[in-house]
Amino acid sequence: MGNKLSIVIPTYNEKGNIETLVSRIENTLNDINYEIFFVDDSTDETPDILEKVSQRDEHVKYIHRNNEKGLATAVLLGFRSANGDYLACMDADLQHPPEILLPMYVTLENGADMCIPSRHIPGGSDGGLNWYRKFVSNTAKNIGKLLLPCLRKISDPTSGLFMFRKEIIKEADLRPIGWKIMIEVIATSRFRYITQIPYTFSERQSGTSKIDTKVTFQYLEQCMGLRKRYIKNSIEVKNWTLEETEANVRSYINSQRT
């Protein structure tokens, strides 16, 4: 069995998605040593569901916060608390398909320091976004690339879905605000190799989107702050095609069964 994977998932009033999410991750990663680490700020019944699921599934852990809110601090708490050699971050709303976790893991087992699933390389799609959210997403992507040269080789730099070797953030100056954690990791960590793989952004299954005007201004503030402290890494970015991704996953699965 390979390196341990910790999947950090911030939650805020996602009671309708938890059980499906955990089940799909289990079906995807049944041959991998993993844990799911929820950091929950909910005001609905989500903590009750997390407690029930964690009692029956040893892979599931969670922290419920009563006096602190915010995705950025939730994810950082998850990163600090997780036990994995590899750390993943994903949303709880199922717009990030859990099945993508296996090919992400395989890219790291094949030498990548970070894996970024992308909607914007051949084989990827942002079909789960309406026209307004596509406009906001593309605008944020272009602003990030304009302000931060370290993002310019990356096709989907504002995604909330990514996986990396825990060791790369050992000395990182992580001070994220708002929602865009990945750009903070990319800008302040020392590493060399990123693999991008195609994926399809899905429609939300339950609950409501948390994006608002405040998030937009926090993103701009974050990018301006990172301009002063980003690390000038020489990053090599490699894209796997859909066919290459599937072939590498099959090869990994076969190697684990022989």
C-alpha atoms as a PDB file:
ATOM      1  CA  MET A   1       0.000   0.000   0.000  1.00  0.00           C
ATOM      2  CA  GLY A   2       1.359   3.433  -0.991  1.00  0.00           C
ATOM      3  CA  ASN A   3       1.543   6.734   0.808  1.00  0.00           C
ATOM      4  CA  LYS A   4      -1.292   7.750   3.089  1.00  0.00           C
ATOM      5  CA  LEU A   5      -3.744  10.297   1.686  1.00  0.00           C
ATOM      6  CA  SER A   6      -5.663  12.833   3.795  1.00  0.00           C
ATOM      7  CA  ILE A   7      -8.642  14.508   2.108  1.00  0.00           C
ATOM      8  CA  VAL A   8      -9.462  17.804   3.813  1.00  0.00           C
ATOM      9  CA  ILE A   9     -13.047  18.945   3.256  1.00  0.00           C
ATOM     10  CA  PRO A  10     -14.407  22.186   4.757  1.00  0.00           C
ATOM     11  CA  THR A  11     -18.156  22.078   5.344  1.00  0.00           C
ATOM     12  CA  TYR A  12     -20.831  24.663   6.005  1.00  0.00           C
ATOM     13  CA  ASN A  13     -24.425  23.415   6.002  1.00  0.00           C
ATOM     14  CA  GLU A  14     -23.849  20.465   3.652  1.00  0.00           C
ATOM     15  CA  LYS A  15     -26.029  17.893   5.422  1.00  0.00           C
ATOM     16  CA  GLY A  16     -27.496  16.620   2.156  1.00  0.00           C
ATOM     17  CA  ASN A  17     -24.120  15.720   0.644  1.00  0.00           C
ATOM     18  CA  ILE A  18     -22.038  14.108   3.400  1.00  0.00           C
ATOM     19  CA  GLU A  19     -23.156  10.488   3.161  1.00  0.00           C
ATOM     20  CA  THR A  20     -23.003  10.380  -0.640  1.00  0.00           C
ATOM     21  CA  LEU A  21     -19.584  12.039  -0.631  1.00  0.00           C
ATOM     22  CA  VAL A  22     -18.121   9.584   1.887  1.00  0.00           C
ATOM     23  CA  SER A  23     -19.587   6.614   0.029  1.00  0.00           C
ATOM     24  CA  ARG A  24     -18.181   7.725  -3.328  1.00  0.00           C
ATOM     25  CA  ILE A  25     -14.729   8.360  -1.836  1.00  0.00           C
ATOM     26  CA  GLU A  26     -14.789   4.897  -0.256  1.00  0.00           C
ATOM     27  CA  ASN A  27     -15.696   3.281  -3.578  1.00  0.00           C
ATOM     28  CA  THR A  28     -12.919   5.217  -5.312  1.00  0.00           C
ATOM     29  CA  LEU A  29     -10.098   4.692  -2.805  1.00  0.00           C
ATOM     30  CA  ASN A  30     -10.832   1.217  -1.480  1.00  0.00           C
ATOM     31  CA  ASP A  31      -7.258   0.036  -2.233  1.00  0.00           C
ATOM     32  CA  ILE A  32      -5.565   3.151  -0.775  1.00  0.00           C
ATOM     33  CA  ASN A  33      -4.651   4.116   2.796  1.00  0.00           C
ATOM     34  CA  TYR A  34      -6.720   7.270   3.310  1.00  0.00           C
ATOM     35  CA  GLU A  35      -8.609   9.430   5.777  1.00  0.00           C
ATOM     36  CA  ILE A  36     -11.320  12.028   5.248  1.00  0.00           C
ATOM     37  CA  PHE A  37     -10.883  15.046   7.509  1.00  0.00           C
ATOM     38  CA  PHE A  38     -13.915  17.327   7.690  1.00  0.00           C
ATOM     39  CA  VAL A  39     -13.592  20.768   9.269  1.00  0.00           C
ATOM     40  CA  ASP A  40     -17.141  21.912   9.914  1.00  0.00           C
ATOM     41  CA  ASP A  41     -18.590  25.357  10.651  1.00  0.00           C
ATOM     42  CA  SER A  42     -22.232  24.369  10.101  1.00  0.00           C
ATOM     43  CA  THR A  43     -25.328  25.750  11.801  1.00  0.00           C
ATOM     44  CA  ASP A  44     -27.617  22.952  10.562  1.00  0.00           C
ATOM     45  CA  GLU A  45     -27.600  19.196  11.247  1.00  0.00           C
ATOM     46  CA  THR A  46     -24.301  18.573   9.426  1.00  0.00           C
ATOM     47  CA  PRO A  47     -22.352  17.909  12.694  1.00  0.00           C
ATOM     48  CA  ASP A  48     -24.857  15.218  13.669  1.00  0.00           C
ATOM     49  CA  ILE A  49     -24.396  13.500  10.324  1.00  0.00           C
ATOM     50  CA  LEU A  50     -20.599  13.757  10.588  1.00  0.00           C
ATOM     51  CA  GLU A  51     -20.715  12.181  14.051  1.00  0.00           C
ATOM     52  CA  LYS A  52     -22.902   9.323  12.808  1.00  0.00           C
ATOM     53  CA  VAL A  53     -20.703   8.678   9.774  1.00  0.00           C
ATOM     54  CA  SER A  54     -17.465   8.852  11.784  1.00  0.00           C
ATOM     55  CA  GLN A  55     -18.818   6.288  14.261  1.00  0.00           C
ATOM     56  CA  ARG A  56     -19.358   3.702  11.553  1.00  0.00           C
ATOM     57  CA  ASP A  57     -16.431   4.545   9.236  1.00  0.00           C
ATOM     58  CA  GLU A  58     -12.908   4.615  10.650  1.00  0.00           C
ATOM     59  CA  HIS A  59     -11.689   6.661   7.676  1.00  0.00           C
ATOM     60  CA  VAL A  60     -13.816   9.653   8.680  1.00  0.00           C
ATOM     61  CA  LYS A  61     -12.672  12.270  11.190  1.00  0.00           C
ATOM     62  CA  TYR A  62     -14.072  15.712  11.853  1.00  0.00           C
ATOM     63  CA  ILE A  63     -13.718  18.875  13.880  1.00  0.00           C
ATOM     64  CA  HIS A  64     -16.720  21.114  14.491  1.00  0.00           C
ATOM     65  CA  ARG A  65     -15.928  24.762  15.204  1.00  0.00           C
ATOM     66  CA  ASN A  66     -18.389  26.915  17.123  1.00  0.00           C
ATOM     67  CA  ASN A  67     -16.457  30.162  17.487  1.00  0.00           C
ATOM     68  CA  GLU A  68     -14.600  30.425  14.191  1.00  0.00           C
ATOM     69  CA  LYS A  69     -15.801  30.579  10.612  1.00  0.00           C
ATOM     70  CA  GLY A  70     -14.243  30.693   7.175  1.00  0.00           C
ATOM     71  CA  LEU A  71     -13.013  28.294   4.531  1.00  0.00           C
ATOM     72  CA  ALA A  72      -9.388  29.439   4.621  1.00  0.00           C
ATOM     73  CA  THR A  73      -8.832  28.808   8.320  1.00  0.00           C
ATOM     74  CA  ALA A  74     -10.842  25.578   8.117  1.00  0.00           C
ATOM     75  CA  VAL A  75      -8.599  24.152   5.398  1.00  0.00           C
ATOM     76  CA  LEU A  76      -5.420  25.202   7.209  1.00  0.00           C
ATOM     77  CA  LEU A  77      -6.660  23.502  10.371  1.00  0.00           C
ATOM     78  CA  GLY A  78      -7.317  20.385   8.321  1.00  0.00           C
ATOM     79  CA  PHE A  79      -3.838  20.480   6.801  1.00  0.00           C
ATOM     80  CA  ARG A  80      -2.260  20.785  10.255  1.00  0.00           C
ATOM     81  CA  SER A  81      -4.415  18.036  11.773  1.00  0.00           C
ATOM     82  CA  ALA A  82      -4.246  15.482   8.962  1.00  0.00           C
ATOM     83  CA  ASN A  83      -1.881  12.515   9.155  1.00  0.00           C
ATOM     84  CA  GLY A  84      -1.322  11.835   5.469  1.00  0.00           C
ATOM     85  CA  ASP A  85       1.857  12.045   3.409  1.00  0.00           C
ATOM     86  CA  TYR A  86      -0.332  13.516   0.678  1.00  0.00           C
ATOM     87  CA  LEU A  87      -2.965  16.193   1.321  1.00  0.00           C
ATOM     88  CA  ALA A  88      -5.996  16.860  -0.863  1.00  0.00           C
ATOM     89  CA  CYS A  89      -8.507  19.677  -0.668  1.00  0.00           C
ATOM     90  CA  MET A  90     -11.966  19.446  -2.177  1.00  0.00           C
ATOM     91  CA  ASP A  91     -15.477  20.842  -1.734  1.00  0.00           C
ATOM     92  CA  ALA A  92     -18.309  18.963  -0.054  1.00  0.00           C
ATOM     93  CA  ASP A  93     -20.967  19.843  -2.634  1.00  0.00           C
ATOM     94  CA  LEU A  94     -20.025  17.059  -5.114  1.00  0.00           C
ATOM     95  CA  GLN A  95     -19.147  19.550  -7.834  1.00  0.00           C
ATOM     96  CA  HIS A  96     -15.668  18.128  -7.408  1.00  0.00           C
ATOM     97  CA  PRO A  97     -16.306  14.482  -8.363  1.00  0.00           C
ATOM     98  CA  PRO A  98     -14.748  12.187  -5.722  1.00  0.00           C
ATOM     99  CA  GLU A  99     -13.709   9.743  -8.451  1.00  0.00           C
ATOM    100  CA  ILE A 100     -10.974  12.187  -9.543  1.00  0.00           C
ATOM    101  CA  LEU A 101      -9.094  11.515  -6.285  1.00  0.00           C
ATOM    102  CA  LEU A 102      -7.617   8.255  -7.567  1.00  0.00           C
ATOM    103  CA  PRO A 103      -5.949   9.710 -10.687  1.00  0.00           C
ATOM    104  CA  MET A 104      -4.760  12.654  -8.567  1.00  0.00           C
ATOM    105  CA  TYR A 105      -3.137  10.207  -6.166  1.00  0.00           C
ATOM    106  CA  VAL A 106      -1.541   8.333  -9.065  1.00  0.00           C
ATOM    107  CA  THR A 107       0.129  11.512 -10.360  1.00  0.00           C
ATOM    108  CA  LEU A 108       1.879  11.968  -6.999  1.00  0.00           C
ATOM    109  CA  GLU A 109       2.873   8.308  -6.925  1.00  0.00           C
ATOM    110  CA  ASN A 110       4.406   8.996 -10.352  1.00  0.00           C
ATOM    111  CA  GLY A 111       6.566  11.840  -9.029  1.00  0.00           C
ATOM    112  CA  ALA A 112       4.456  15.008  -9.116  1.00  0.00           C
ATOM    113  CA  ASP A 113       4.696  17.386  -6.148  1.00  0.00           C
ATOM    114  CA  MET A 114       1.176  18.656  -6.824  1.00  0.00           C
ATOM    115  CA  CYS A 115      -1.792  17.600  -8.930  1.00  0.00           C
ATOM    116  CA  ILE A 116      -4.322  20.122 -10.211  1.00  0.00           C
ATOM    117  CA  PRO A 117      -7.377  18.748 -12.020  1.00  0.00           C
ATOM    118  CA  SER A 118      -8.269  21.254 -14.727  1.00  0.00           C
ATOM    119  CA  ARG A 119     -11.481  22.226 -16.458  1.00  0.00           C
ATOM    120  CA  HIS A 120      -9.482  24.055 -19.113  1.00  0.00           C
ATOM    121  CA  ILE A 121      -7.300  21.430 -20.767  1.00  0.00           C
ATOM    122  CA  PRO A 122      -8.530  18.946 -23.427  1.00  0.00           C
ATOM    123  CA  GLY A 123     -10.927  16.485 -21.816  1.00  0.00           C
ATOM    124  CA  GLY A 124     -11.966  18.907 -19.060  1.00  0.00           C
ATOM    125  CA  SER A 125     -15.204  20.857 -18.732  1.00  0.00           C
ATOM    126  CA  ASP A 126     -16.777  23.506 -16.494  1.00  0.00           C
ATOM    127  CA  GLY A 127     -20.288  22.425 -17.466  1.00  0.00           C
ATOM    128  CA  GLY A 128     -21.433  22.515 -13.828  1.00  0.00           C
ATOM    129  CA  LEU A 129     -21.206  26.331 -13.796  1.00  0.00           C
ATOM    130  CA  ASN A 130     -23.883  28.721 -15.054  1.00  0.00           C
ATOM    131  CA  TRP A 131     -22.858  31.589 -17.355  1.00  0.00           C
ATOM    132  CA  TYR A 132     -22.383  34.071 -14.491  1.00  0.00           C
ATOM    133  CA  ARG A 133     -20.147  31.777 -12.460  1.00  0.00           C
ATOM    134  CA  LYS A 134     -18.151  30.957 -15.587  1.00  0.00           C
ATOM    135  CA  PHE A 135     -17.610  34.691 -16.109  1.00  0.00           C
ATOM    136  CA  VAL A 136     -16.555  35.196 -12.480  1.00  0.00           C
ATOM    137  CA  SER A 137     -14.263  32.147 -12.580  1.00  0.00           C
ATOM    138  CA  ASN A 138     -12.524  33.209 -15.802  1.00  0.00           C
ATOM    139  CA  THR A 139     -12.113  36.778 -14.559  1.00  0.00           C
ATOM    140  CA  ALA A 140     -10.551  35.542 -11.304  1.00  0.00           C
ATOM    141  CA  LYS A 141      -8.249  33.217 -13.261  1.00  0.00           C
ATOM    142  CA  ASN A 142      -7.024  36.042 -15.490  1.00  0.00           C
ATOM    143  CA  ILE A 143      -6.516  38.452 -12.592  1.00  0.00           C
ATOM    144  CA  GLY A 144      -4.504  35.820 -10.710  1.00  0.00           C
ATOM    145  CA  LYS A 145      -2.242  35.173 -13.705  1.00  0.00           C
ATOM    146  CA  LEU A 146      -1.753  38.902 -14.289  1.00  0.00           C
ATOM    147  CA  LEU A 147      -0.743  39.611 -10.692  1.00  0.00           C
ATOM    148  CA  LEU A 148       1.170  36.408  -9.909  1.00  0.00           C
ATOM    149  CA  PRO A 149       3.682  35.065 -12.447  1.00  0.00           C
ATOM    150  CA  CYS A 150       3.813  31.747 -10.544  1.00  0.00           C
ATOM    151  CA  LEU A 151       0.277  31.000 -11.772  1.00  0.00           C
ATOM    152  CA  ARG A 152       0.840  31.641 -15.471  1.00  0.00           C
ATOM    153  CA  LYS A 153       1.673  28.060 -16.482  1.00  0.00           C
ATOM    154  CA  ILE A 154      -1.398  26.709 -14.679  1.00  0.00           C
ATOM    155  CA  SER A 155      -4.630  26.399 -16.640  1.00  0.00           C
ATOM    156  CA  ASP A 156      -7.058  26.336 -13.678  1.00  0.00           C
ATOM    157  CA  PRO A 157      -5.294  28.275 -10.886  1.00  0.00           C
ATOM    158  CA  THR A 158      -8.395  29.291  -8.935  1.00  0.00           C
ATOM    159  CA  SER A 159      -9.722  25.769  -8.442  1.00  0.00           C
ATOM    160  CA  GLY A 160     -10.516  24.495  -4.963  1.00  0.00           C
ATOM    161  CA  LEU A 161      -9.561  20.944  -5.960  1.00  0.00           C
ATOM    162  CA  PHE A 162      -5.914  19.912  -5.628  1.00  0.00           C
ATOM    163  CA  MET A 163      -3.530  17.416  -4.014  1.00  0.00           C
ATOM    164  CA  PHE A 164       0.097  17.805  -2.960  1.00  0.00           C
ATOM    165  CA  ARG A 165       2.919  16.313  -0.927  1.00  0.00           C
ATOM    166  CA  LYS A 166       2.560  17.490   2.660  1.00  0.00           C
ATOM    167  CA  GLU A 167       6.285  18.148   2.894  1.00  0.00           C
ATOM    168  CA  ILE A 168       6.126  21.086   0.447  1.00  0.00           C
ATOM    169  CA  ILE A 169       4.189  23.274   2.913  1.00  0.00           C
ATOM    170  CA  LYS A 170       6.520  22.550   5.829  1.00  0.00           C
ATOM    171  CA  GLU A 171       8.024  26.048   5.638  1.00  0.00           C
ATOM    172  CA  ALA A 172       5.314  27.769   3.582  1.00  0.00           C
ATOM    173  CA  ASP A 173       4.058  31.173   4.708  1.00  0.00           C
ATOM    174  CA  LEU A 174       0.366  30.335   4.385  1.00  0.00           C
ATOM    175  CA  ARG A 175      -1.911  33.289   5.150  1.00  0.00           C
ATOM    176  CA  PRO A 176      -4.985  32.673   2.996  1.00  0.00           C
ATOM    177  CA  ILE A 177      -8.198  34.630   3.214  1.00  0.00           C
ATOM    178  CA  GLY A 178     -11.475  33.884   1.487  1.00  0.00           C
ATOM    179  CA  TRP A 179     -11.738  30.738  -0.629  1.00  0.00           C
ATOM    180  CA  LYS A 180      -8.704  30.378  -2.895  1.00  0.00           C
ATOM    181  CA  ILE A 181      -6.370  28.198  -0.868  1.00  0.00           C
ATOM    182  CA  MET A 182      -4.513  26.623  -3.777  1.00  0.00           C
ATOM    183  CA  ILE A 183      -2.928  29.834  -5.035  1.00  0.00           C
ATOM    184  CA  GLU A 184      -1.532  30.343  -1.525  1.00  0.00           C
ATOM    185  CA  VAL A 185       0.069  26.887  -1.565  1.00  0.00           C
ATOM    186  CA  ILE A 186       1.482  27.390  -5.065  1.00  0.00           C
ATOM    187  CA  ALA A 187       2.856  30.853  -4.309  1.00  0.00           C
ATOM    188  CA  THR A 188       4.462  30.184  -0.911  1.00  0.00           C
ATOM    189  CA  SER A 189       5.690  26.568  -1.103  1.00  0.00           C
ATOM    190  CA  ARG A 190       8.974  25.271  -2.497  1.00  0.00           C
ATOM    191  CA  PHE A 191       8.436  22.532  -5.085  1.00  0.00           C
ATOM    192  CA  ARG A 192       9.155  21.663  -8.707  1.00  0.00           C
ATOM    193  CA  TYR A 193       6.583  19.489 -10.478  1.00  0.00           C
ATOM    194  CA  ILE A 194       2.860  19.949 -11.158  1.00  0.00           C
ATOM    195  CA  THR A 195       0.740  17.501 -13.135  1.00  0.00           C
ATOM    196  CA  GLN A 196      -2.602  18.693 -14.525  1.00  0.00           C
ATOM    197  CA  ILE A 197      -5.300  16.181 -15.399  1.00  0.00           C
ATOM    198  CA  PRO A 198      -8.653  16.863 -17.085  1.00  0.00           C
ATOM    199  CA  TYR A 199     -11.903  16.693 -15.135  1.00  0.00           C
ATOM    200  CA  THR A 200     -15.526  17.775 -15.448  1.00  0.00           C
ATOM    201  CA  PHE A 201     -16.898  20.197 -12.872  1.00  0.00           C
ATOM    202  CA  SER A 202     -20.286  18.787 -11.870  1.00  0.00           C
ATOM    203  CA  GLU A 203     -23.585  20.372 -10.928  1.00  0.00           C
ATOM    204  CA  ARG A 204     -24.247  20.952  -7.228  1.00  0.00           C
ATOM    205  CA  GLN A 205     -26.315  18.087  -5.782  1.00  0.00           C
ATOM    206  CA  SER A 206     -27.649  19.721  -2.617  1.00  0.00           C
ATOM    207  CA  GLY A 207     -27.400  22.946  -0.611  1.00  0.00           C
ATOM    208  CA  THR A 208     -26.568  26.405  -1.962  1.00  0.00           C
ATOM    209  CA  SER A 209     -23.472  28.171  -3.243  1.00  0.00           C
ATOM    210  CA  LYS A 210     -21.562  30.285  -0.670  1.00  0.00           C
ATOM    211  CA  ILE A 211     -20.001  32.686  -3.213  1.00  0.00           C
ATOM    212  CA  ASP A 212     -20.758  36.386  -2.673  1.00  0.00           C
ATOM    213  CA  THR A 213     -19.253  39.852  -3.245  1.00  0.00           C
ATOM    214  CA  LYS A 214     -17.171  39.618  -0.075  1.00  0.00           C
ATOM    215  CA  VAL A 215     -15.373  36.564  -1.467  1.00  0.00           C
ATOM    216  CA  THR A 216     -14.434  38.504  -4.607  1.00  0.00           C
ATOM    217  CA  PHE A 217     -12.799  41.319  -2.640  1.00  0.00           C
ATOM    218  CA  GLN A 218     -11.006  38.823  -0.403  1.00  0.00           C
ATOM    219  CA  TYR A 219      -9.534  37.178  -3.506  1.00  0.00           C
ATOM    220  CA  LEU A 220      -8.206  40.498  -4.791  1.00  0.00           C
ATOM    221  CA  GLU A 221      -6.729  41.269  -1.380  1.00  0.00           C
ATOM    222  CA  GLN A 222      -5.111  37.831  -1.281  1.00  0.00           C
ATOM    223  CA  CYS A 223      -3.526  38.231  -4.732  1.00  0.00           C
ATOM    224  CA  MET A 224      -2.120  41.653  -3.847  1.00  0.00           C
ATOM    225  CA  GLY A 225      -0.653  40.277  -0.623  1.00  0.00           C
ATOM    226  CA  LEU A 226       0.956  37.361  -2.463  1.00  0.00           C
ATOM    227  CA  ARG A 227       2.647  39.700  -4.942  1.00  0.00           C
ATOM    228  CA  LYS A 228       4.956  40.744  -2.098  1.00  0.00           C
ATOM    229  CA  ARG A 229       5.858  37.271  -0.867  1.00  0.00           C
ATOM    230  CA  TYR A 230       5.487  34.638  -3.582  1.00  0.00           C
ATOM    231  CA  ILE A 231       8.429  32.300  -4.134  1.00  0.00           C
ATOM    232  CA  LYS A 232      10.031  32.343  -7.583  1.00  0.00           C
ATOM    233  CA  ASN A 233      10.060  28.578  -8.146  1.00  0.00           C
ATOM    234  CA  SER A 234      11.040  27.087 -11.474  1.00  0.00           C
ATOM    235  CA  ILE A 235       7.870  25.012 -11.829  1.00  0.00           C
ATOM    236  CA  GLU A 236       7.491  22.372 -14.511  1.00  0.00           C
ATOM    237  CA  VAL A 237       3.867  21.734 -15.495  1.00  0.00           C
ATOM    238  CA  LYS A 238       2.898  18.565 -17.345  1.00  0.00           C
ATOM    239  CA  ASN A 239      -0.569  17.832 -18.727  1.00  0.00           C
ATOM    240  CA  TRP A 240      -1.885  14.290 -18.851  1.00  0.00           C
ATOM    241  CA  THR A 241      -4.484  13.612 -21.513  1.00  0.00           C
ATOM    242  CA  LEU A 242      -7.659  11.775 -20.553  1.00  0.00           C
ATOM    243  CA  GLU A 243      -6.303   8.630 -22.207  1.00  0.00           C
ATOM    244  CA  GLU A 244      -2.931   8.975 -20.474  1.00  0.00           C
ATOM    245  CA  THR A 245      -4.637   9.507 -17.123  1.00  0.00           C
ATOM    246  CA  GLU A 246      -6.768   6.393 -17.521  1.00  0.00           C
ATOM    247  CA  ALA A 247      -3.777   4.327 -18.640  1.00  0.00           C
ATOM    248  CA  ASN A 248      -1.670   5.439 -15.664  1.00  0.00           C
ATOM    249  CA  VAL A 249      -4.493   4.645 -13.250  1.00  0.00           C
ATOM    250  CA  ARG A 250      -4.885   1.157 -14.728  1.00  0.00           C
ATOM    251  CA  SER A 251      -1.130   0.618 -14.487  1.00  0.00           C
ATOM    252  CA  TYR A 252      -1.113   1.700 -10.834  1.00  0.00           C
ATOM    253  CA  ILE A 253      -4.042  -0.554  -9.923  1.00  0.00           C
ATOM    254  CA  ASN A 254      -2.406  -3.531 -11.637  1.00  0.00           C
ATOM    255  CA  SER A 255       0.889  -2.895  -9.864  1.00  0.00           C
ATOM    256  CA  GLN A 256      -0.856  -2.948  -6.488  1.00  0.00           C
ATOM    257  CA  ARG A 257      -2.581  -6.252  -7.198  1.00  0.00           C
ATOM    258  CA  THR A 258       0.479  -8.218  -8.327  1.00  0.00           C
END
